[in-house]
Amino acid sequence: MALALALANQAQQQGEVPVGAVLVNSNGQVIGQGYNQVISNCDPSAHAEMVALRDAAKYLGNYRTPDTTLYVTLEPCAMCLGAIFHARVARLVFGAHDPKTGACGSKLNLAEPGLINHHTTVHGGVLASSCGDLLTQFFQKKRRQAPPVSTTDTPQEPSP
């Protein structure tokens, strides 16, 4: 998870939401890694998990990654969890829970055993404070940098 946090910091330095992911095989070897690149790649699917899975698939020459553990700093969304299932990741370990889009119990529970044909063991809350604090600080800074919204301005009619 420490490497995933370092990758999340790298995402933050590039103006991306600070989420990092690392895929490790059963020998403890890193076979894939990534961080959010949605903005820089103009790709709505470039979440940290997706980037790490793509990296591992390229490394292995196979889209299946059995007997692996994915460490990610934020609870995966439905898109990412679907890819995790399709890749046959054996174990998912995540840091902070995501009450808005988390698909491992926070908003949805797509990881419920028996719900989908492949089951990935899920363990959440690992280094949750560190992972969550990084996200909280990132969004607080974004809000401080945002231009103030005027309540006295009235919207203009669009020009024909």
N, C-alpha and C. Protein backbone atom coordinates (compact mmCIF):
# COMPACT_ATOMS: atom_id res chain seq x y z
N MET A 1 0.83 -1.19 0.00
CA MET A 1 0.00 0.00 0.00
C MET A 1 0.87 1.26 0.00
N ALA A 2 2.08 1.14 0.53
CA ALA A 2 2.98 2.30 0.54
C ALA A 2 3.31 2.74 -0.88
N LEU A 3 3.52 1.78 -1.78
CA LEU A 3 3.81 2.13 -3.17
C LEU A 3 2.57 2.76 -3.82
N ALA A 4 1.40 2.24 -3.52
CA ALA A 4 0.15 2.82 -4.06
C ALA A 4 0.00 4.27 -3.58
N LEU A 5 0.34 4.55 -2.33
CA LEU A 5 0.29 5.93 -1.82
C LEU A 5 1.30 6.83 -2.52
N ALA A 6 2.48 6.30 -2.80
CA ALA A 6 3.48 7.08 -3.53
C ALA A 6 2.97 7.40 -4.94
N LEU A 7 2.30 6.46 -5.57
CA LEU A 7 1.72 6.70 -6.89
C LEU A 7 0.59 7.71 -6.82
N ALA A 8 -0.20 7.66 -5.75
CA ALA A 8 -1.27 8.64 -5.56
C ALA A 8 -0.69 10.05 -5.44
N ASN A 9 0.43 10.17 -4.75
CA ASN A 9 1.11 11.47 -4.65
C ASN A 9 1.60 11.94 -6.02
N GLN A 10 2.04 11.00 -6.84
CA GLN A 10 2.47 11.35 -8.20
C GLN A 10 1.28 11.87 -9.02
N ALA A 11 0.13 11.24 -8.85
CA ALA A 11 -1.08 11.72 -9.54
C ALA A 11 -1.40 13.14 -9.10
N GLN A 12 -1.33 13.39 -7.81
CA GLN A 12 -1.62 14.72 -7.27
C GLN A 12 -0.68 15.77 -7.85
N GLN A 13 0.59 15.44 -7.96
CA GLN A 13 1.57 16.38 -8.51
C GLN A 13 1.24 16.74 -9.97
N GLN A 14 0.51 15.86 -10.65
CA GLN A 14 0.13 16.11 -12.04
C GLN A 14 -1.27 16.68 -12.16
N GLY A 15 -1.87 17.06 -11.02
CA GLY A 15 -3.20 17.66 -11.03
C GLY A 15 -4.33 16.67 -11.13
N GLU A 16 -4.04 15.41 -10.97
CA GLU A 16 -5.05 14.34 -11.01
C GLU A 16 -5.54 14.04 -9.60
N VAL A 17 -6.73 13.48 -9.49
CA VAL A 17 -7.22 13.03 -8.19
C VAL A 17 -6.24 11.98 -7.67
N PRO A 18 -5.73 12.14 -6.45
CA PRO A 18 -4.65 11.28 -5.95
C PRO A 18 -5.09 9.88 -5.55
N VAL A 19 -5.10 9.00 -6.54
CA VAL A 19 -5.38 7.59 -6.32
C VAL A 19 -4.28 6.80 -7.01
N GLY A 20 -3.74 5.81 -6.30
CA GLY A 20 -2.70 4.94 -6.86
C GLY A 20 -3.07 3.49 -6.68
N ALA A 21 -2.52 2.64 -7.56
CA ALA A 21 -2.82 1.20 -7.51
C ALA A 21 -1.58 0.40 -7.90
N VAL A 22 -1.43 -0.76 -7.25
CA VAL A 22 -0.30 -1.65 -7.50
C VAL A 22 -0.83 -3.08 -7.54
N LEU A 23 -0.46 -3.82 -8.59
CA LEU A 23 -0.84 -5.24 -8.70
C LEU A 23 0.39 -6.08 -8.45
N VAL A 24 0.26 -7.03 -7.51
CA VAL A 24 1.38 -7.84 -7.06
C VAL A 24 1.03 -9.31 -7.28
N ASN A 25 2.01 -10.11 -7.77
CA ASN A 25 1.75 -11.54 -7.95
C ASN A 25 1.94 -12.28 -6.63
N SER A 26 1.75 -13.59 -6.65
CA SER A 26 1.81 -14.38 -5.42
C SER A 26 3.20 -14.42 -4.81
N ASN A 27 4.23 -14.05 -5.57
CA ASN A 27 5.61 -13.98 -5.05
C ASN A 27 5.94 -12.62 -4.48
N GLY A 28 4.97 -11.68 -4.51
CA GLY A 28 5.20 -10.34 -3.99
C GLY A 28 5.83 -9.40 -4.99
N GLN A 29 5.96 -9.84 -6.25
CA GLN A 29 6.55 -9.01 -7.30
C GLN A 29 5.50 -8.06 -7.87
N VAL A 30 5.85 -6.79 -8.02
CA VAL A 30 4.96 -5.82 -8.66
C VAL A 30 4.93 -6.14 -10.15
N ILE A 31 3.73 -6.41 -10.68
CA ILE A 31 3.59 -6.71 -12.11
C ILE A 31 2.81 -5.62 -12.85
N GLY A 32 2.23 -4.70 -12.10
CA GLY A 32 1.50 -3.60 -12.71
C GLY A 32 1.31 -2.49 -11.71
N GLN A 33 1.33 -1.26 -12.19
CA GLN A 33 1.11 -0.12 -11.31
C GLN A 33 0.52 1.03 -12.10
N GLY A 34 -0.16 1.91 -11.39
CA GLY A 34 -0.73 3.05 -12.07
C GLY A 34 -1.30 4.05 -11.09
N TYR A 35 -1.61 5.20 -11.62
CA TYR A 35 -2.28 6.25 -10.85
C TYR A 35 -3.27 6.92 -11.77
N ASN A 36 -4.19 7.68 -11.20
CA ASN A 36 -5.22 8.33 -12.01
C ASN A 36 -4.57 9.17 -13.11
N GLN A 37 -5.09 9.01 -14.34
CA GLN A 37 -4.60 9.77 -15.49
C GLN A 37 -5.76 10.20 -16.37
N VAL A 38 -6.92 10.36 -15.77
CA VAL A 38 -8.14 10.72 -16.49
C VAL A 38 -7.97 12.04 -17.23
N ILE A 39 -7.45 13.05 -16.55
CA ILE A 39 -7.31 14.39 -17.13
C ILE A 39 -6.18 14.41 -18.15
N SER A 40 -5.01 13.93 -17.76
CA SER A 40 -3.85 14.00 -18.64
C SER A 40 -4.01 13.15 -19.90
N ASN A 41 -4.73 12.04 -19.81
CA ASN A 41 -4.95 11.19 -20.98
C ASN A 41 -6.27 11.46 -21.69
N CYS A 42 -7.06 12.40 -21.16
CA CYS A 42 -8.41 12.66 -21.72
C CYS A 42 -9.16 11.33 -21.89
N ASP A 43 -9.13 10.52 -20.83
CA ASP A 43 -9.69 9.17 -20.88
C ASP A 43 -10.47 8.90 -19.59
N PRO A 44 -11.80 8.84 -19.67
CA PRO A 44 -12.60 8.62 -18.47
C PRO A 44 -12.37 7.26 -17.82
N SER A 45 -11.73 6.33 -18.54
CA SER A 45 -11.45 5.02 -17.95
C SER A 45 -10.05 4.91 -17.36
N ALA A 46 -9.28 5.97 -17.36
CA ALA A 46 -7.89 5.90 -16.89
C ALA A 46 -7.78 6.06 -15.37
N HIS A 47 -8.62 5.33 -14.65
CA HIS A 47 -8.52 5.28 -13.19
C HIS A 47 -7.26 4.48 -12.83
N ALA A 48 -6.76 4.68 -11.64
CA ALA A 48 -5.53 4.03 -11.19
C ALA A 48 -5.59 2.51 -11.37
N GLU A 49 -6.72 1.91 -10.99
CA GLU A 49 -6.86 0.46 -11.09
C GLU A 49 -6.76 -0.01 -12.54
N MET A 50 -7.42 0.72 -13.44
CA MET A 50 -7.42 0.36 -14.85
C MET A 50 -6.02 0.47 -15.44
N VAL A 51 -5.30 1.53 -15.06
CA VAL A 51 -3.94 1.72 -15.55
C VAL A 51 -3.05 0.59 -15.05
N ALA A 52 -3.19 0.21 -13.78
CA ALA A 52 -2.39 -0.88 -13.22
C ALA A 52 -2.71 -2.21 -13.89
N LEU A 53 -3.99 -2.47 -14.15
CA LEU A 53 -4.38 -3.72 -14.82
C LEU A 53 -3.84 -3.76 -16.25
N ARG A 54 -3.91 -2.64 -16.95
CA ARG A 54 -3.35 -2.57 -18.32
C ARG A 54 -1.84 -2.82 -18.30
N ASP A 55 -1.17 -2.21 -17.33
CA ASP A 55 0.28 -2.38 -17.19
C ASP A 55 0.63 -3.85 -16.95
N ALA A 56 -0.11 -4.50 -16.07
CA ALA A 56 0.13 -5.91 -15.76
C ALA A 56 -0.17 -6.80 -16.97
N ALA A 57 -1.26 -6.52 -17.67
CA ALA A 57 -1.62 -7.33 -18.84
C ALA A 57 -0.53 -7.25 -19.90
N LYS A 58 0.01 -6.05 -20.09
CA LYS A 58 1.09 -5.87 -21.07
C LYS A 58 2.33 -6.65 -20.61
N TYR A 59 2.64 -6.56 -19.33
CA TYR A 59 3.81 -7.25 -18.78
C TYR A 59 3.67 -8.77 -18.92
N LEU A 60 2.48 -9.28 -18.61
CA LEU A 60 2.24 -10.73 -18.66
C LEU A 60 1.93 -11.25 -20.06
N GLY A 61 1.48 -10.36 -20.94
CA GLY A 61 1.04 -10.80 -22.25
C GLY A 61 -0.29 -11.54 -22.17
N ASN A 62 -1.09 -11.18 -21.15
CA ASN A 62 -2.37 -11.84 -20.90
C ASN A 62 -3.24 -10.90 -20.09
N TYR A 63 -4.52 -10.82 -20.44
CA TYR A 63 -5.41 -9.94 -19.68
C TYR A 63 -5.86 -10.58 -18.38
N ARG A 64 -5.64 -11.86 -18.21
CA ARG A 64 -5.97 -12.54 -16.95
C ARG A 64 -4.79 -12.43 -15.99
N THR A 65 -5.09 -12.10 -14.75
CA THR A 65 -4.04 -11.95 -13.74
C THR A 65 -4.41 -12.74 -12.48
N PRO A 66 -4.52 -14.07 -12.61
CA PRO A 66 -4.90 -14.86 -11.43
C PRO A 66 -3.79 -14.86 -10.38
N ASP A 67 -4.16 -15.20 -9.17
CA ASP A 67 -3.21 -15.27 -8.06
C ASP A 67 -2.48 -13.95 -7.82
N THR A 68 -3.23 -12.86 -7.96
CA THR A 68 -2.64 -11.54 -7.73
C THR A 68 -3.44 -10.79 -6.67
N THR A 69 -2.80 -9.77 -6.12
CA THR A 69 -3.46 -8.86 -5.18
C THR A 69 -3.31 -7.45 -5.72
N LEU A 70 -4.43 -6.73 -5.76
CA LEU A 70 -4.42 -5.34 -6.18
C LEU A 70 -4.55 -4.47 -4.94
N TYR A 71 -3.59 -3.58 -4.75
CA TYR A 71 -3.62 -2.60 -3.67
C TYR A 71 -4.00 -1.27 -4.29
N VAL A 72 -5.03 -0.63 -3.78
CA VAL A 72 -5.47 0.66 -4.31
C VAL A 72 -5.85 1.57 -3.15
N THR A 73 -5.57 2.84 -3.28
CA THR A 73 -5.75 3.77 -2.16
C THR A 73 -7.20 4.18 -1.93
N LEU A 74 -8.07 3.91 -2.89
CA LEU A 74 -9.49 4.27 -2.77
C LEU A 74 -10.35 3.10 -3.22
N GLU A 75 -11.44 2.89 -2.53
CA GLU A 75 -12.40 1.83 -2.90
C GLU A 75 -12.78 1.97 -4.38
N PRO A 76 -12.66 0.90 -5.13
CA PRO A 76 -12.96 0.96 -6.57
C PRO A 76 -14.43 1.28 -6.87
N CYS A 77 -14.62 1.92 -8.03
CA CYS A 77 -15.96 2.18 -8.55
C CYS A 77 -16.43 0.93 -9.30
N ALA A 78 -17.66 0.96 -9.80
CA ALA A 78 -18.23 -0.19 -10.51
C ALA A 78 -17.41 -0.55 -11.75
N MET A 79 -16.97 0.46 -12.51
CA MET A 79 -16.17 0.20 -13.71
C MET A 79 -14.90 -0.56 -13.35
N CYS A 80 -14.18 -0.06 -12.36
CA CYS A 80 -12.91 -0.67 -11.99
C CYS A 80 -13.11 -2.06 -11.39
N LEU A 81 -14.14 -2.21 -10.57
CA LEU A 81 -14.39 -3.52 -9.98
C LEU A 81 -14.74 -4.54 -11.05
N GLY A 82 -15.48 -4.12 -12.07
CA GLY A 82 -15.78 -5.01 -13.19
C GLY A 82 -14.51 -5.47 -13.88
N ALA A 83 -13.58 -4.55 -14.11
CA ALA A 83 -12.31 -4.92 -14.74
C ALA A 83 -11.50 -5.84 -13.83
N ILE A 84 -11.55 -5.59 -12.54
CA ILE A 84 -10.85 -6.45 -11.57
C ILE A 84 -11.40 -7.87 -11.66
N PHE A 85 -12.71 -8.01 -11.74
CA PHE A 85 -13.33 -9.33 -11.88
C PHE A 85 -12.91 -9.99 -13.19
N HIS A 86 -12.97 -9.25 -14.29
CA HIS A 86 -12.62 -9.82 -15.60
C HIS A 86 -11.15 -10.23 -15.66
N ALA A 87 -10.29 -9.51 -14.96
CA ALA A 87 -8.87 -9.85 -14.92
C ALA A 87 -8.59 -11.04 -14.00
N ARG A 88 -9.58 -11.43 -13.24
CA ARG A 88 -9.46 -12.55 -12.29
C ARG A 88 -8.48 -12.28 -11.16
N VAL A 89 -8.45 -11.03 -10.71
CA VAL A 89 -7.64 -10.67 -9.55
C VAL A 89 -8.19 -11.44 -8.35
N ALA A 90 -7.32 -12.10 -7.62
CA ALA A 90 -7.76 -12.93 -6.50
C ALA A 90 -8.13 -12.12 -5.27
N ARG A 91 -7.40 -11.04 -5.03
CA ARG A 91 -7.58 -10.28 -3.79
C ARG A 91 -7.47 -8.79 -4.06
N LEU A 92 -8.35 -8.03 -3.45
CA LEU A 92 -8.35 -6.58 -3.55
C LEU A 92 -8.18 -6.01 -2.15
N VAL A 93 -7.23 -5.12 -2.00
CA VAL A 93 -7.00 -4.43 -0.73
C VAL A 93 -7.08 -2.94 -1.03
N PHE A 94 -8.01 -2.23 -0.37
CA PHE A 94 -8.11 -0.80 -0.62
C PHE A 94 -8.00 -0.02 0.68
N GLY A 95 -7.67 1.27 0.52
CA GLY A 95 -7.49 2.16 1.67
C GLY A 95 -8.78 2.82 2.09
N ALA A 96 -9.04 4.00 1.55
CA ALA A 96 -10.20 4.80 1.96
C ALA A 96 -11.49 4.28 1.31
N HIS A 97 -12.55 4.33 2.08
CA HIS A 97 -13.89 4.01 1.54
C HIS A 97 -14.38 5.20 0.73
N ASP A 98 -15.19 4.92 -0.30
CA ASP A 98 -15.71 5.98 -1.16
C ASP A 98 -17.23 5.99 -1.07
N PRO A 99 -17.79 6.87 -0.21
CA PRO A 99 -19.25 6.88 -0.02
C PRO A 99 -20.05 7.34 -1.23
N LYS A 100 -19.38 7.95 -2.21
CA LYS A 100 -20.10 8.43 -3.40
C LYS A 100 -20.18 7.41 -4.51
N THR A 101 -19.09 6.69 -4.78
CA THR A 101 -19.09 5.74 -5.91
C THR A 101 -18.48 4.39 -5.58
N GLY A 102 -18.18 4.13 -4.33
CA GLY A 102 -17.55 2.86 -3.95
C GLY A 102 -18.45 1.67 -4.23
N ALA A 103 -17.88 0.67 -4.90
CA ALA A 103 -18.65 -0.51 -5.31
C ALA A 103 -18.34 -1.75 -4.48
N CYS A 104 -17.64 -1.57 -3.36
CA CYS A 104 -17.31 -2.70 -2.48
C CYS A 104 -18.00 -2.57 -1.13
N GLY A 105 -19.15 -1.93 -1.12
CA GLY A 105 -19.92 -1.83 0.11
C GLY A 105 -20.31 -0.44 0.53
N SER A 106 -19.58 0.58 0.08
CA SER A 106 -19.90 1.94 0.51
C SER A 106 -21.15 2.48 -0.16
N LYS A 107 -21.24 2.38 -1.47
CA LYS A 107 -22.41 2.85 -2.21
C LYS A 107 -23.17 1.65 -2.79
N LEU A 108 -22.42 0.75 -3.41
CA LEU A 108 -22.93 -0.51 -3.95
C LEU A 108 -22.10 -1.62 -3.34
N ASN A 109 -22.58 -2.86 -3.45
CA ASN A 109 -21.74 -3.97 -3.02
C ASN A 109 -21.70 -5.03 -4.12
N LEU A 110 -20.98 -4.71 -5.19
CA LEU A 110 -20.82 -5.64 -6.29
C LEU A 110 -19.84 -6.76 -5.97
N ALA A 111 -19.12 -6.62 -4.86
CA ALA A 111 -18.15 -7.63 -4.44
C ALA A 111 -18.78 -8.71 -3.57
N GLU A 112 -20.08 -8.63 -3.37
CA GLU A 112 -20.77 -9.63 -2.54
C GLU A 112 -20.59 -11.02 -3.15
N PRO A 113 -20.11 -11.98 -2.34
CA PRO A 113 -19.90 -13.33 -2.86
C PRO A 113 -21.18 -13.90 -3.51
N GLY A 114 -20.99 -14.51 -4.68
CA GLY A 114 -22.09 -15.14 -5.39
C GLY A 114 -22.85 -14.21 -6.31
N LEU A 115 -22.62 -12.92 -6.22
CA LEU A 115 -23.35 -11.97 -7.06
C LEU A 115 -22.88 -12.03 -8.51
N ILE A 116 -21.59 -12.22 -8.71
CA ILE A 116 -20.99 -12.30 -10.04
C ILE A 116 -20.18 -13.60 -10.08
N ASN A 117 -20.00 -14.15 -11.28
CA ASN A 117 -19.38 -15.48 -11.39
C ASN A 117 -17.96 -15.56 -10.84
N HIS A 118 -17.21 -14.48 -10.87
CA HIS A 118 -15.86 -14.52 -10.29
C HIS A 118 -15.88 -13.78 -8.96
N HIS A 119 -15.26 -14.36 -7.98
CA HIS A 119 -15.21 -13.70 -6.68
C HIS A 119 -13.79 -13.27 -6.36
N THR A 120 -13.67 -12.03 -5.99
CA THR A 120 -12.41 -11.45 -5.52
C THR A 120 -12.57 -11.18 -4.04
N THR A 121 -11.64 -11.64 -3.25
CA THR A 121 -11.66 -11.36 -1.81
C THR A 121 -11.32 -9.88 -1.62
N VAL A 122 -12.13 -9.19 -0.82
CA VAL A 122 -11.96 -7.75 -0.63
C VAL A 122 -11.66 -7.45 0.84
N HIS A 123 -10.65 -6.61 1.03
CA HIS A 123 -10.30 -6.14 2.37
C HIS A 123 -10.12 -4.62 2.29
N GLY A 124 -10.98 -3.88 2.94
CA GLY A 124 -10.93 -2.42 2.88
C GLY A 124 -10.47 -1.80 4.18
N GLY A 125 -10.06 -0.54 4.09
CA GLY A 125 -9.69 0.23 5.27
C GLY A 125 -8.22 0.17 5.63
N VAL A 126 -7.38 -0.39 4.75
CA VAL A 126 -5.95 -0.48 5.03
C VAL A 126 -5.30 0.89 4.81
N LEU A 127 -4.68 1.43 5.83
CA LEU A 127 -4.11 2.78 5.81
C LEU A 127 -5.17 3.80 5.38
N ALA A 128 -6.39 3.58 5.83
CA ALA A 128 -7.52 4.42 5.42
C ALA A 128 -7.29 5.90 5.74
N SER A 129 -6.73 6.20 6.89
CA SER A 129 -6.50 7.61 7.26
C SER A 129 -5.52 8.28 6.31
N SER A 130 -4.42 7.62 6.03
CA SER A 130 -3.42 8.18 5.11
C SER A 130 -4.00 8.38 3.72
N CYS A 131 -4.71 7.37 3.24
CA CYS A 131 -5.31 7.45 1.90
C CYS A 131 -6.41 8.51 1.85
N GLY A 132 -7.25 8.53 2.85
CA GLY A 132 -8.35 9.49 2.90
C GLY A 132 -7.88 10.92 3.09
N ASP A 133 -6.86 11.11 3.94
CA ASP A 133 -6.33 12.46 4.18
C ASP A 133 -5.76 13.05 2.89
N LEU A 134 -5.10 12.24 2.10
CA LEU A 134 -4.54 12.72 0.84
C LEU A 134 -5.64 13.24 -0.08
N LEU A 135 -6.73 12.50 -0.16
CA LEU A 135 -7.87 12.92 -0.99
C LEU A 135 -8.54 14.17 -0.42
N THR A 136 -8.75 14.19 0.89
CA THR A 136 -9.40 15.34 1.53
C THR A 136 -8.59 16.62 1.30
N GLN A 137 -7.29 16.54 1.51
CA GLN A 137 -6.44 17.72 1.32
C GLN A 137 -6.44 18.17 -0.14
N PHE A 138 -6.45 17.22 -1.06
CA PHE A 138 -6.48 17.55 -2.49
C PHE A 138 -7.73 18.35 -2.84
N PHE A 139 -8.89 17.86 -2.38
CA PHE A 139 -10.14 18.53 -2.72
C PHE A 139 -10.32 19.85 -1.97
N GLN A 140 -9.81 19.94 -0.74
CA GLN A 140 -9.84 21.22 -0.03
C GLN A 140 -9.03 22.28 -0.79
N LYS A 141 -7.88 21.89 -1.28
CA LYS A 141 -7.04 22.81 -2.04
C LYS A 141 -7.75 23.23 -3.33
N LYS A 142 -8.39 22.27 -4.01
CA LYS A 142 -9.13 22.58 -5.25
C LYS A 142 -10.23 23.59 -4.98
N ARG A 143 -10.96 23.39 -3.87
CA ARG A 143 -12.05 24.32 -3.53
C ARG A 143 -11.51 25.73 -3.23
N ARG A 144 -10.38 25.81 -2.55
CA ARG A 144 -9.77 27.12 -2.25
C ARG A 144 -9.32 27.83 -3.52
N GLN A 145 -8.90 27.07 -4.51
CA GLN A 145 -8.41 27.66 -5.77
C GLN A 145 -9.54 28.02 -6.74
N ALA A 146 -10.72 27.48 -6.51
CA ALA A 146 -11.84 27.73 -7.42
C ALA A 146 -12.28 29.17 -7.31
N PRO A 147 -12.66 29.78 -8.44
CA PRO A 147 -13.15 31.16 -8.37
C PRO A 147 -14.45 31.21 -7.59
N PRO A 148 -14.67 32.29 -6.84
CA PRO A 148 -15.90 32.38 -6.05
C PRO A 148 -17.12 32.47 -6.97
N VAL A 149 -18.19 31.88 -6.51
CA VAL A 149 -19.45 31.91 -7.26
C VAL A 149 -20.24 33.12 -6.80
N SER A 150 -20.63 33.97 -7.72
CA SER A 150 -21.38 35.16 -7.39
C SER A 150 -22.87 34.82 -7.31
N THR A 151 -23.50 35.28 -6.25
CA THR A 151 -24.93 35.04 -6.09
C THR A 151 -25.76 36.19 -6.66
N THR A 152 -25.08 37.30 -7.01
CA THR A 152 -25.83 38.46 -7.53
C THR A 152 -25.89 38.48 -9.05
N ASP A 153 -25.03 37.71 -9.69
CA ASP A 153 -25.05 37.67 -11.16
C ASP A 153 -26.26 36.87 -11.65
N THR A 154 -26.89 37.41 -12.63
CA THR A 154 -28.01 36.67 -13.24
C THR A 154 -27.53 36.11 -14.56
N PRO A 155 -27.94 34.89 -14.87
CA PRO A 155 -27.49 34.28 -16.11
C PRO A 155 -27.97 35.07 -17.32
N GLN A 156 -27.12 35.16 -18.31
CA GLN A 156 -27.47 35.86 -19.55
C GLN A 156 -28.18 34.90 -20.49
N GLU A 157 -29.10 35.44 -21.26
CA GLU A 157 -29.77 34.65 -22.30
C GLU A 157 -28.74 34.34 -23.38
N PRO A 158 -28.75 33.10 -23.89
CA PRO A 158 -27.81 32.78 -24.96
C PRO A 158 -28.12 33.59 -26.22
N SER A 159 -27.08 33.95 -26.94
CA SER A 159 -27.25 34.69 -28.20
C SER A 159 -27.79 33.75 -29.28
N PRO A 160 -28.70 34.28 -30.13
CA PRO A 160 -29.23 33.42 -31.21
C PRO A 160 -28.19 33.16 -32.27
